[in-house]
Amino acid sequence: MPETAVLKNCKVDKCKNQVRAKGYCPRHFKKWRQGELPKPRYKICKEENCRKPLYREGYCEPHYGAWSKSRKARAHVEAKANKAQVAPVAPTQPAPAVEQKPTEDQPAQS
């Protein structure tokens, strides 16, 4: 006896169409793939109203280029460099003993 498939509805509110993939009907699945739904297919740029995929540091490629040229980026890089330079200081070795010449008040040791 064949198993009966459970028909599910699209997970978009007020959509009663049957699921195609990822919980979406064909119409909403296409929109999801194109990044038009509120829940994007991939992580997006943190710039307001930018829905392009991430490139680096939370920005898409064009916004990262602008950010990297800005003062914020230089300050960010300098802060990272300063953090990397602060390293534990190795204990210093005592200076070698310097042989002192006897003075008139001190007799020579033999």
PDB file of N, CA and C in Angstrom:
ATOM      1  N   MET A   1       0.831  -1.164   0.000  1.00  0.00           N
ATOM      2  CA  MET A   1       0.000   0.000   0.000  1.00  0.00           C
ATOM      3  C   MET A   1       0.891   1.247   0.000  1.00  0.00           C
ATOM      4  N   PRO A   2       0.682   2.188  -0.928  1.00  0.00           N
ATOM      5  CA  PRO A   2       1.525   3.380  -0.978  1.00  0.00           C
ATOM      6  C   PRO A   2       1.244   4.308   0.202  1.00  0.00           C
ATOM      7  N   GLU A   3       2.320   4.960   0.639  1.00  0.00           N
ATOM      8  CA  GLU A   3       2.176   5.899   1.754  1.00  0.00           C
ATOM      9  C   GLU A   3       1.553   7.180   1.240  1.00  0.00           C
ATOM     10  N   THR A   4       0.746   7.792   2.061  1.00  0.00           N
ATOM     11  CA  THR A   4       0.127   9.047   1.656  1.00  0.00           C
ATOM     12  C   THR A   4       1.045  10.200   2.048  1.00  0.00           C
ATOM     13  N   ALA A   5       1.217  11.108   1.116  1.00  0.00           N
ATOM     14  CA  ALA A   5       2.065  12.269   1.375  1.00  0.00           C
ATOM     15  C   ALA A   5       1.249  13.317   2.123  1.00  0.00           C
ATOM     16  N   VAL A   6       1.881  13.929   3.091  1.00  0.00           N
ATOM     17  CA  VAL A   6       1.213  14.979   3.842  1.00  0.00           C
ATOM     18  C   VAL A   6       1.417  16.274   3.082  1.00  0.00           C
ATOM     19  N   LEU A   7       0.324  16.884   2.683  1.00  0.00           N
ATOM     20  CA  LEU A   7       0.411  18.138   1.953  1.00  0.00           C
ATOM     21  C   LEU A   7       0.537  19.290   2.940  1.00  0.00           C
ATOM     22  N   LYS A   8       1.513  20.124   2.697  1.00  0.00           N
ATOM     23  CA  LYS A   8       1.737  21.262   3.572  1.00  0.00           C
ATOM     24  C   LYS A   8       1.492  22.543   2.797  1.00  0.00           C
ATOM     25  N   ASN A   9       1.113  23.566   3.524  1.00  0.00           N
ATOM     26  CA  ASN A   9       0.911  24.869   2.914  1.00  0.00           C
ATOM     27  C   ASN A   9       2.175  25.703   3.043  1.00  0.00           C
ATOM     28  N   CYS A  10       2.308  26.682   2.170  1.00  0.00           N
ATOM     29  CA  CYS A  10       3.434  27.619   2.168  1.00  0.00           C
ATOM     30  C   CYS A  10       3.532  28.302   3.534  1.00  0.00           C
ATOM     31  N   LYS A  11       4.753  28.554   4.007  1.00  0.00           N
ATOM     32  CA  LYS A  11       4.921  29.158   5.331  1.00  0.00           C
ATOM     33  C   LYS A  11       4.764  30.681   5.340  1.00  0.00           C
ATOM     34  N   VAL A  12       4.488  31.285   4.184  1.00  0.00           N
ATOM     35  CA  VAL A  12       4.213  32.715   4.137  1.00  0.00           C
ATOM     36  C   VAL A  12       2.777  32.924   4.610  1.00  0.00           C
ATOM     37  N   ASP A  13       2.573  33.927   5.491  1.00  0.00           N
ATOM     38  CA  ASP A  13       1.236  34.199   6.021  1.00  0.00           C
ATOM     39  C   ASP A  13       0.236  34.418   4.896  1.00  0.00           C
ATOM     40  N   LYS A  14      -0.939  33.888   5.080  1.00  0.00           N
ATOM     41  CA  LYS A  14      -2.076  34.039   4.162  1.00  0.00           C
ATOM     42  C   LYS A  14      -1.862  33.381   2.800  1.00  0.00           C
ATOM     43  N   CYS A  15      -0.874  32.514   2.669  1.00  0.00           N
ATOM     44  CA  CYS A  15      -0.660  31.786   1.418  1.00  0.00           C
ATOM     45  C   CYS A  15      -1.079  30.338   1.656  1.00  0.00           C
ATOM     46  N   LYS A  16      -2.004  29.869   0.862  1.00  0.00           N
ATOM     47  CA  LYS A  16      -2.552  28.516   1.031  1.00  0.00           C
ATOM     48  C   LYS A  16      -2.050  27.540  -0.026  1.00  0.00           C
ATOM     49  N   ASN A  17      -1.081  27.941  -0.837  1.00  0.00           N
ATOM     50  CA  ASN A  17      -0.555  27.057  -1.875  1.00  0.00           C
ATOM     51  C   ASN A  17       0.301  25.963  -1.264  1.00  0.00           C
ATOM     52  N   GLN A  18       0.456  24.871  -2.014  1.00  0.00           N
ATOM     53  CA  GLN A  18       1.235  23.737  -1.524  1.00  0.00           C
ATOM     54  C   GLN A  18       2.731  24.033  -1.605  1.00  0.00           C
ATOM     55  N   VAL A  19       3.471  23.419  -0.699  1.00  0.00           N
ATOM     56  CA  VAL A  19       4.918  23.622  -0.598  1.00  0.00           C
ATOM     57  C   VAL A  19       5.638  23.008  -1.778  1.00  0.00           C
ATOM     58  N   ARG A  20       6.632  23.716  -2.282  1.00  0.00           N
ATOM     59  CA  ARG A  20       7.513  23.189  -3.324  1.00  0.00           C
ATOM     60  C   ARG A  20       8.843  22.810  -2.695  1.00  0.00           C
ATOM     61  N   ALA A  21       9.472  23.763  -2.010  1.00  0.00           N
ATOM     62  CA  ALA A  21      10.773  23.515  -1.379  1.00  0.00           C
ATOM     63  C   ALA A  21      11.006  24.554  -0.285  1.00  0.00           C
ATOM     64  N   LYS A  22      11.800  24.186   0.700  1.00  0.00           N
ATOM     65  CA  LYS A  22      12.181  25.082   1.799  1.00  0.00           C
ATOM     66  C   LYS A  22      10.962  25.659   2.525  1.00  0.00           C
ATOM     67  N   GLY A  23       9.824  24.999   2.412  1.00  0.00           N
ATOM     68  CA  GLY A  23       8.616  25.459   3.082  1.00  0.00           C
ATOM     69  C   GLY A  23       7.849  26.520   2.318  1.00  0.00           C
ATOM     70  N   TYR A  24       8.243  26.807   1.088  1.00  0.00           N
ATOM     71  CA  TYR A  24       7.586  27.829   0.280  1.00  0.00           C
ATOM     72  C   TYR A  24       6.896  27.208  -0.929  1.00  0.00           C
ATOM     73  N   CYS A  25       5.815  27.866  -1.381  1.00  0.00           N
ATOM     74  CA  CYS A  25       5.156  27.471  -2.631  1.00  0.00           C
ATOM     75  C   CYS A  25       6.060  27.933  -3.779  1.00  0.00           C
ATOM     76  N   PRO A  26       5.798  27.544  -5.027  1.00  0.00           N
ATOM     77  CA  PRO A  26       6.677  27.947  -6.137  1.00  0.00           C
ATOM     78  C   PRO A  26       6.872  29.463  -6.253  1.00  0.00           C
ATOM     79  N   ARG A  27       5.804  30.215  -6.053  1.00  0.00           N
ATOM     80  CA  ARG A  27       5.904  31.672  -6.168  1.00  0.00           C
ATOM     81  C   ARG A  27       6.836  32.261  -5.099  1.00  0.00           C
ATOM     82  N   HIS A  28       6.622  31.869  -3.837  1.00  0.00           N
ATOM     83  CA  HIS A  28       7.429  32.411  -2.747  1.00  0.00           C
ATOM     84  C   HIS A  28       8.845  31.825  -2.741  1.00  0.00           C
ATOM     85  N   PHE A  29       8.989  30.589  -3.198  1.00  0.00           N
ATOM     86  CA  PHE A  29      10.322  29.991  -3.297  1.00  0.00           C
ATOM     87  C   PHE A  29      11.187  30.806  -4.264  1.00  0.00           C
ATOM     88  N   LYS A  30      10.595  31.203  -5.391  1.00  0.00           N
ATOM     89  CA  LYS A  30      11.332  32.019  -6.363  1.00  0.00           C
ATOM     90  C   LYS A  30      11.725  33.361  -5.748  1.00  0.00           C
ATOM     91  N   LYS A  31      10.801  33.965  -5.019  1.00  0.00           N
ATOM     92  CA  LYS A  31      11.105  35.245  -4.357  1.00  0.00           C
ATOM     93  C   LYS A  31      12.209  35.061  -3.309  1.00  0.00           C
ATOM     94  N   TRP A  32      12.146  33.943  -2.578  1.00  0.00           N
ATOM     95  CA  TRP A  32      13.176  33.663  -1.558  1.00  0.00           C
ATOM     96  C   TRP A  32      14.548  33.514  -2.210  1.00  0.00           C
ATOM     97  N   ARG A  33      14.599  32.780  -3.328  1.00  0.00           N
ATOM     98  CA  ARG A  33      15.871  32.590  -4.038  1.00  0.00           C
ATOM     99  C   ARG A  33      16.442  33.903  -4.533  1.00  0.00           C
ATOM    100  N   GLN A  34      15.580  34.822  -4.914  1.00  0.00           N
ATOM    101  CA  GLN A  34      16.016  36.111  -5.429  1.00  0.00           C
ATOM    102  C   GLN A  34      16.287  37.123  -4.312  1.00  0.00           C
ATOM    103  N   GLY A  35      16.065  36.715  -3.059  1.00  0.00           N
ATOM    104  CA  GLY A  35      16.339  37.588  -1.926  1.00  0.00           C
ATOM    105  C   GLY A  35      15.284  38.645  -1.693  1.00  0.00           C
ATOM    106  N   GLU A  36      14.058  38.416  -2.172  1.00  0.00           N
ATOM    107  CA  GLU A  36      12.998  39.410  -2.042  1.00  0.00           C
ATOM    108  C   GLU A  36      12.134  39.220  -0.800  1.00  0.00           C
ATOM    109  N   LEU A  37      12.276  38.126  -0.093  1.00  0.00           N
ATOM    110  CA  LEU A  37      11.491  37.908   1.125  1.00  0.00           C
ATOM    111  C   LEU A  37      12.243  38.483   2.324  1.00  0.00           C
ATOM    112  N   PRO A  38      11.509  38.785   3.409  1.00  0.00           N
ATOM    113  CA  PRO A  38      12.172  39.360   4.596  1.00  0.00           C
ATOM    114  C   PRO A  38      13.290  38.480   5.149  1.00  0.00           C
ATOM    115  N   LYS A  39      13.119  37.168   5.089  1.00  0.00           N
ATOM    116  CA  LYS A  39      14.186  36.282   5.555  1.00  0.00           C
ATOM    117  C   LYS A  39      15.066  35.955   4.354  1.00  0.00           C
ATOM    118  N   PRO A  40      16.257  36.563   4.273  1.00  0.00           N
ATOM    119  CA  PRO A  40      17.095  36.376   3.090  1.00  0.00           C
ATOM    120  C   PRO A  40      17.706  34.979   3.002  1.00  0.00           C
ATOM    121  N   ARG A  41      18.108  34.657   1.814  1.00  0.00           N
ATOM    122  CA  ARG A  41      18.736  33.370   1.527  1.00  0.00           C
ATOM    123  C   ARG A  41      20.144  33.314   2.105  1.00  0.00           C
ATOM    124  N   TYR A  42      20.772  34.435   2.230  1.00  0.00           N
ATOM    125  CA  TYR A  42      22.147  34.520   2.696  1.00  0.00           C
ATOM    126  C   TYR A  42      22.258  35.726   3.619  1.00  0.00           C
ATOM    127  N   LYS A  43      23.340  35.838   4.334  1.00  0.00           N
ATOM    128  CA  LYS A  43      23.544  36.988   5.209  1.00  0.00           C
ATOM    129  C   LYS A  43      23.777  38.211   4.338  1.00  0.00           C
ATOM    130  N   ILE A  44      23.217  39.328   4.778  1.00  0.00           N
ATOM    131  CA  ILE A  44      23.251  40.529   3.954  1.00  0.00           C
ATOM    132  C   ILE A  44      24.060  41.644   4.603  1.00  0.00           C
ATOM    133  N   CYS A  45      24.380  42.634   3.801  1.00  0.00           N
ATOM    134  CA  CYS A  45      25.144  43.807   4.204  1.00  0.00           C
ATOM    135  C   CYS A  45      24.447  44.523   5.353  1.00  0.00           C
ATOM    136  N   LYS A  46      25.238  45.097   6.280  1.00  0.00           N
ATOM    137  CA  LYS A  46      24.648  45.781   7.419  1.00  0.00           C
ATOM    138  C   LYS A  46      24.288  47.237   7.128  1.00  0.00           C
ATOM    139  N   GLU A  47      24.593  47.725   5.937  1.00  0.00           N
ATOM    140  CA  GLU A  47      24.165  49.071   5.544  1.00  0.00           C
ATOM    141  C   GLU A  47      22.649  49.084   5.417  1.00  0.00           C
ATOM    142  N   GLU A  48      22.034  50.184   5.813  1.00  0.00           N
ATOM    143  CA  GLU A  48      20.589  50.291   5.750  1.00  0.00           C
ATOM    144  C   GLU A  48      20.099  50.200   4.298  1.00  0.00           C
ATOM    145  N   ASN A  49      19.057  49.439   4.083  1.00  0.00           N
ATOM    146  CA  ASN A  49      18.418  49.230   2.777  1.00  0.00           C
ATOM    147  C   ASN A  49      19.319  48.552   1.743  1.00  0.00           C
ATOM    148  N   CYS A  50      20.345  47.874   2.160  1.00  0.00           N
ATOM    149  CA  CYS A  50      21.201  47.123   1.244  1.00  0.00           C
ATOM    150  C   CYS A  50      20.979  45.640   1.517  1.00  0.00           C
ATOM    151  N   ARG A  51      20.607  44.900   0.509  1.00  0.00           N
ATOM    152  CA  ARG A  51      20.322  43.479   0.681  1.00  0.00           C
ATOM    153  C   ARG A  51      21.305  42.609  -0.089  1.00  0.00           C
ATOM    154  N   LYS A  52      22.473  43.151  -0.391  1.00  0.00           N
ATOM    155  CA  LYS A  52      23.489  42.371  -1.109  1.00  0.00           C
ATOM    156  C   LYS A  52      24.177  41.413  -0.143  1.00  0.00           C
ATOM    157  N   PRO A  53      24.736  40.309  -0.663  1.00  0.00           N
ATOM    158  CA  PRO A  53      25.397  39.342   0.218  1.00  0.00           C
ATOM    159  C   PRO A  53      26.653  39.922   0.866  1.00  0.00           C
ATOM    160  N   LEU A  54      26.989  39.361   2.025  1.00  0.00           N
ATOM    161  CA  LEU A  54      28.180  39.804   2.762  1.00  0.00           C
ATOM    162  C   LEU A  54      29.451  39.541   1.979  1.00  0.00           C
ATOM    163  N   TYR A  55      30.409  40.434   2.167  1.00  0.00           N
ATOM    164  CA  TYR A  55      31.727  40.267   1.576  1.00  0.00           C
ATOM    165  C   TYR A  55      32.751  40.175   2.704  1.00  0.00           C
ATOM    166  N   ARG A  56      32.929  41.262   3.457  1.00  0.00           N
ATOM    167  CA  ARG A  56      33.845  41.288   4.614  1.00  0.00           C
ATOM    168  C   ARG A  56      33.347  42.292   5.643  1.00  0.00           C
ATOM    169  N   GLU A  57      33.709  42.038   6.910  1.00  0.00           N
ATOM    170  CA  GLU A  57      33.428  42.956   8.012  1.00  0.00           C
ATOM    171  C   GLU A  57      31.955  43.371   8.092  1.00  0.00           C
ATOM    172  N   GLY A  58      31.044  42.521   7.626  1.00  0.00           N
ATOM    173  CA  GLY A  58      29.626  42.818   7.711  1.00  0.00           C
ATOM    174  C   GLY A  58      29.080  43.660   6.573  1.00  0.00           C
ATOM    175  N   TYR A  59      29.887  43.925   5.554  1.00  0.00           N
ATOM    176  CA  TYR A  59      29.459  44.749   4.423  1.00  0.00           C
ATOM    177  C   TYR A  59      29.493  43.953   3.121  1.00  0.00           C
ATOM    178  N   CYS A  60      28.698  44.431   2.141  1.00  0.00           N
ATOM    179  CA  CYS A  60      28.793  43.875   0.787  1.00  0.00           C
ATOM    180  C   CYS A  60      30.065  44.448   0.157  1.00  0.00           C
ATOM    181  N   GLU A  61      30.410  43.980  -1.019  1.00  0.00           N
ATOM    182  CA  GLU A  61      31.673  44.405  -1.638  1.00  0.00           C
ATOM    183  C   GLU A  61      31.756  45.922  -1.870  1.00  0.00           C
ATOM    184  N   PRO A  62      30.718  46.581  -2.443  1.00  0.00           N
ATOM    185  CA  PRO A  62      30.827  48.034  -2.642  1.00  0.00           C
ATOM    186  C   PRO A  62      30.918  48.816  -1.328  1.00  0.00           C
ATOM    187  N   HIS A  63      30.116  48.421  -0.324  1.00  0.00           N
ATOM    188  CA  HIS A  63      30.154  49.139   0.949  1.00  0.00           C
ATOM    189  C   HIS A  63      31.455  48.858   1.707  1.00  0.00           C
ATOM    190  N   TYR A  64      31.991  47.663   1.559  1.00  0.00           N
ATOM    191  CA  TYR A  64      33.273  47.369   2.206  1.00  0.00           C
ATOM    192  C   TYR A  64      34.373  48.253   1.613  1.00  0.00           C
ATOM    193  N   GLY A  65      34.345  48.428   0.302  1.00  0.00           N
ATOM    194  CA  GLY A  65      35.343  49.287  -0.345  1.00  0.00           C
ATOM    195  C   GLY A  65      35.285  50.706   0.196  1.00  0.00           C
ATOM    196  N   ALA A  66      34.080  51.233   0.354  1.00  0.00           N
ATOM    197  CA  ALA A  66      33.924  52.586   0.901  1.00  0.00           C
ATOM    198  C   ALA A  66      34.352  52.632   2.358  1.00  0.00           C
ATOM    199  N   TRP A  67      33.970  51.619   3.122  1.00  0.00           N
ATOM    200  CA  TRP A  67      34.301  51.574   4.546  1.00  0.00           C
ATOM    201  C   TRP A  67      35.810  51.469   4.753  1.00  0.00           C
ATOM    202  N   SER A  68      36.464  50.656   3.935  1.00  0.00           N
ATOM    203  CA  SER A  68      37.900  50.438   4.127  1.00  0.00           C
ATOM    204  C   SER A  68      38.702  51.700   3.835  1.00  0.00           C
ATOM    205  N   LYS A  69      38.145  52.595   3.049  1.00  0.00           N
ATOM    206  CA  LYS A  69      38.838  53.847   2.749  1.00  0.00           C
ATOM    207  C   LYS A  69      38.541  54.931   3.778  1.00  0.00           C
ATOM    208  N   SER A  70      37.597  54.679   4.634  1.00  0.00           N
ATOM    209  CA  SER A  70      37.183  55.693   5.594  1.00  0.00           C
ATOM    210  C   SER A  70      38.102  55.722   6.818  1.00  0.00           C
ATOM    211  N   ARG A  71      37.949  56.727   7.618  1.00  0.00           N
ATOM    212  CA  ARG A  71      38.746  56.851   8.843  1.00  0.00           C
ATOM    213  C   ARG A  71      38.419  55.754   9.836  1.00  0.00           C
ATOM    214  N   LYS A  72      37.165  55.305   9.840  1.00  0.00           N
ATOM    215  CA  LYS A  72      36.782  54.249  10.775  1.00  0.00           C
ATOM    216  C   LYS A  72      37.622  53.008  10.545  1.00  0.00           C
ATOM    217  N   ALA A  73      37.847  52.688   9.295  1.00  0.00           N
ATOM    218  CA  ALA A  73      38.614  51.487   8.976  1.00  0.00           C
ATOM    219  C   ALA A  73      40.048  51.625   9.455  1.00  0.00           C
ATOM    220  N   ARG A  74      40.634  52.795   9.218  1.00  0.00           N
ATOM    221  CA  ARG A  74      42.022  52.993   9.659  1.00  0.00           C
ATOM    222  C   ARG A  74      42.116  52.896  11.176  1.00  0.00           C
ATOM    223  N   ALA A  75      41.164  53.488  11.884  1.00  0.00           N
ATOM    224  CA  ALA A  75      41.169  53.413  13.344  1.00  0.00           C
ATOM    225  C   ALA A  75      40.988  51.971  13.804  1.00  0.00           C
ATOM    226  N   HIS A  76      40.123  51.245  13.116  1.00  0.00           N
ATOM    227  CA  HIS A  76      39.866  49.844  13.447  1.00  0.00           C
ATOM    228  C   HIS A  76      41.137  49.009  13.258  1.00  0.00           C
ATOM    229  N   VAL A  77      41.816  49.223  12.154  1.00  0.00           N
ATOM    230  CA  VAL A  77      43.046  48.482  11.859  1.00  0.00           C
ATOM    231  C   VAL A  77      44.137  48.844  12.858  1.00  0.00           C
ATOM    232  N   GLU A  78      44.237  50.138  13.186  1.00  0.00           N
ATOM    233  CA  GLU A  78      45.249  50.570  14.160  1.00  0.00           C
ATOM    234  C   GLU A  78      44.975  49.962  15.525  1.00  0.00           C
ATOM    235  N   ALA A  79      43.720  49.904  15.916  1.00  0.00           N
ATOM    236  CA  ALA A  79      43.369  49.310  17.211  1.00  0.00           C
ATOM    237  C   ALA A  79      43.751  47.835  17.247  1.00  0.00           C
ATOM    238  N   LYS A  80      43.503  47.141  16.143  1.00  0.00           N
ATOM    239  CA  LYS A  80      43.890  45.726  16.076  1.00  0.00           C
ATOM    240  C   LYS A  80      45.408  45.578  16.142  1.00  0.00           C
ATOM    241  N   ALA A  81      46.129  46.459  15.459  1.00  0.00           N
ATOM    242  CA  ALA A  81      47.588  46.389  15.450  1.00  0.00           C
ATOM    243  C   ALA A  81      48.140  46.662  16.842  1.00  0.00           C
ATOM    244  N   ASN A  82      47.583  47.651  17.530  1.00  0.00           N
ATOM    245  CA  ASN A  82      48.035  47.962  18.887  1.00  0.00           C
ATOM    246  C   ASN A  82      47.759  46.808  19.831  1.00  0.00           C
ATOM    247  N   LYS A  83      46.636  46.165  19.648  1.00  0.00           N
ATOM    248  CA  LYS A  83      46.292  45.024  20.488  1.00  0.00           C
ATOM    249  C   LYS A  83      47.280  43.880  20.260  1.00  0.00           C
ATOM    250  N   ALA A  84      47.692  43.696  19.011  1.00  0.00           N
ATOM    251  CA  ALA A  84      48.629  42.624  18.675  1.00  0.00           C
ATOM    252  C   ALA A  84      50.028  42.923  19.199  1.00  0.00           C
ATOM    253  N   GLN A  85      50.388  44.211  19.277  1.00  0.00           N
ATOM    254  CA  GLN A  85      51.729  44.583  19.729  1.00  0.00           C
ATOM    255  C   GLN A  85      51.888  44.414  21.233  1.00  0.00           C
ATOM    256  N   VAL A  86      50.811  44.523  21.981  1.00  0.00           N
ATOM    257  CA  VAL A  86      50.891  44.368  23.424  1.00  0.00           C
ATOM    258  C   VAL A  86      51.061  42.893  23.711  1.00  0.00           C
ATOM    259  N   ALA A  87      52.283  42.524  24.049  1.00  0.00           N
ATOM    260  CA  ALA A  87      52.595  41.127  24.323  1.00  0.00           C
ATOM    261  C   ALA A  87      53.291  41.062  25.675  1.00  0.00           C
ATOM    262  N   PRO A  88      53.245  39.934  26.321  1.00  0.00           N
ATOM    263  CA  PRO A  88      53.936  39.835  27.604  1.00  0.00           C
ATOM    264  C   PRO A  88      55.433  40.091  27.429  1.00  0.00           C
ATOM    265  N   VAL A  89      55.973  40.862  28.349  1.00  0.00           N
ATOM    266  CA  VAL A  89      57.389  41.215  28.291  1.00  0.00           C
ATOM    267  C   VAL A  89      58.198  40.099  28.935  1.00  0.00           C
ATOM    268  N   ALA A  90      59.215  39.640  28.224  1.00  0.00           N
ATOM    269  CA  ALA A  90      60.075  38.588  28.749  1.00  0.00           C
ATOM    270  C   ALA A  90      60.945  39.166  29.857  1.00  0.00           C
ATOM    271  N   PRO A  91      61.211  38.395  30.904  1.00  0.00           N
ATOM    272  CA  PRO A  91      62.054  38.910  31.981  1.00  0.00           C
ATOM    273  C   PRO A  91      63.466  39.213  31.447  1.00  0.00           C
ATOM    274  N   THR A  92      63.998  40.314  31.903  1.00  0.00           N
ATOM    275  CA  THR A  92      65.336  40.695  31.443  1.00  0.00           C
ATOM    276  C   THR A  92      66.383  39.972  32.261  1.00  0.00           C
ATOM    277  N   GLN A  93      67.494  39.706  31.635  1.00  0.00           N
ATOM    278  CA  GLN A  93      68.588  39.040  32.321  1.00  0.00           C
ATOM    279  C   GLN A  93      69.428  40.090  33.039  1.00  0.00           C
ATOM    280  N   PRO A  94      69.966  39.744  34.204  1.00  0.00           N
ATOM    281  CA  PRO A  94      70.780  40.728  34.910  1.00  0.00           C
ATOM    282  C   PRO A  94      72.044  41.037  34.090  1.00  0.00           C
ATOM    283  N   ALA A  95      72.471  42.265  34.214  1.00  0.00           N
ATOM    284  CA  ALA A  95      73.670  42.681  33.486  1.00  0.00           C
ATOM    285  C   ALA A  95      74.875  41.912  34.037  1.00  0.00           C
ATOM    286  N   PRO A  96      75.846  41.575  33.170  1.00  0.00           N
ATOM    287  CA  PRO A  96      77.023  40.854  33.660  1.00  0.00           C
ATOM    288  C   PRO A  96      77.810  41.739  34.636  1.00  0.00           C
ATOM    289  N   ALA A  97      78.381  41.104  35.628  1.00  0.00           N
ATOM    290  CA  ALA A  97      79.145  41.843  36.643  1.00  0.00           C
ATOM    291  C   ALA A  97      80.388  42.443  35.995  1.00  0.00           C
ATOM    292  N   VAL A  98      80.596  43.708  36.265  1.00  0.00           N
ATOM    293  CA  VAL A  98      81.749  44.413  35.718  1.00  0.00           C
ATOM    294  C   VAL A  98      82.841  44.396  36.777  1.00  0.00           C
ATOM    295  N   GLU A  99      84.019  44.001  36.354  1.00  0.00           N
ATOM    296  CA  GLU A  99      85.137  43.933  37.303  1.00  0.00           C
ATOM    297  C   GLU A  99      85.609  45.348  37.604  1.00  0.00           C
ATOM    298  N   GLN A 100      85.643  45.675  38.890  1.00  0.00           N
ATOM    299  CA  GLN A 100      86.061  47.012  39.287  1.00  0.00           C
ATOM    300  C   GLN A 100      87.556  47.012  39.628  1.00  0.00           C
ATOM    301  N   LYS A 101      88.178  48.087  39.236  1.00  0.00           N
ATOM    302  CA  LYS A 101      89.593  48.229  39.579  1.00  0.00           C
ATOM    303  C   LYS A 101      89.695  48.727  41.012  1.00  0.00           C
ATOM    304  N   PRO A 102      90.679  48.209  41.743  1.00  0.00           N
ATOM    305  CA  PRO A 102      90.811  48.659  43.142  1.00  0.00           C
ATOM    306  C   PRO A 102      91.219  50.135  43.196  1.00  0.00           C
ATOM    307  N   THR A 103      90.685  50.806  44.155  1.00  0.00           N
ATOM    308  CA  THR A 103      91.056  52.210  44.357  1.00  0.00           C
ATOM    309  C   THR A 103      92.095  52.284  45.454  1.00  0.00           C
ATOM    310  N   GLU A 104      92.543  53.459  45.755  1.00  0.00           N
ATOM    311  CA  GLU A 104      93.580  53.621  46.774  1.00  0.00           C
ATOM    312  C   GLU A 104      93.067  53.202  48.137  1.00  0.00           C
ATOM    313  N   ASP A 105      91.774  53.410  48.400  1.00  0.00           N
ATOM    314  CA  ASP A 105      91.219  53.066  49.701  1.00  0.00           C
ATOM    315  C   ASP A 105      90.986  51.581  49.847  1.00  0.00           C
ATOM    316  N   GLN A 106      90.785  50.845  48.741  1.00  0.00           N
ATOM    317  CA  GLN A 106      90.503  49.431  48.803  1.00  0.00           C
ATOM    318  C   GLN A 106      91.736  48.627  48.384  1.00  0.00           C
ATOM    319  N   PRO A 107      92.091  47.657  49.165  1.00  0.00           N
ATOM    320  CA  PRO A 107      93.228  46.830  48.767  1.00  0.00           C
ATOM    321  C   PRO A 107      92.818  45.853  47.665  1.00  0.00           C
ATOM    322  N   ALA A 108      93.754  45.454  46.882  1.00  0.00           N
ATOM    323  CA  ALA A 108      93.497  44.516  45.803  1.00  0.00           C
ATOM    324  C   ALA A 108      93.221  43.149  46.382  1.00  0.00           C
ATOM    325  N   GLN A 109      92.220  42.445  45.812  1.00  0.00           N
ATOM    326  CA  GLN A 109      91.886  41.108  46.295  1.00  0.00           C
ATOM    327  C   GLN A 109      92.592  40.082  45.435  1.00  0.00           C
ATOM    328  N   SER A 110      93.160  39.090  46.085  1.00  0.00           N
ATOM    329  CA  SER A 110      93.849  38.063  45.341  1.00  0.00           C
ATOM    330  C   SER A 110      93.443  36.710  45.803  1.00  0.00           C
TER     331      SER A 110
END
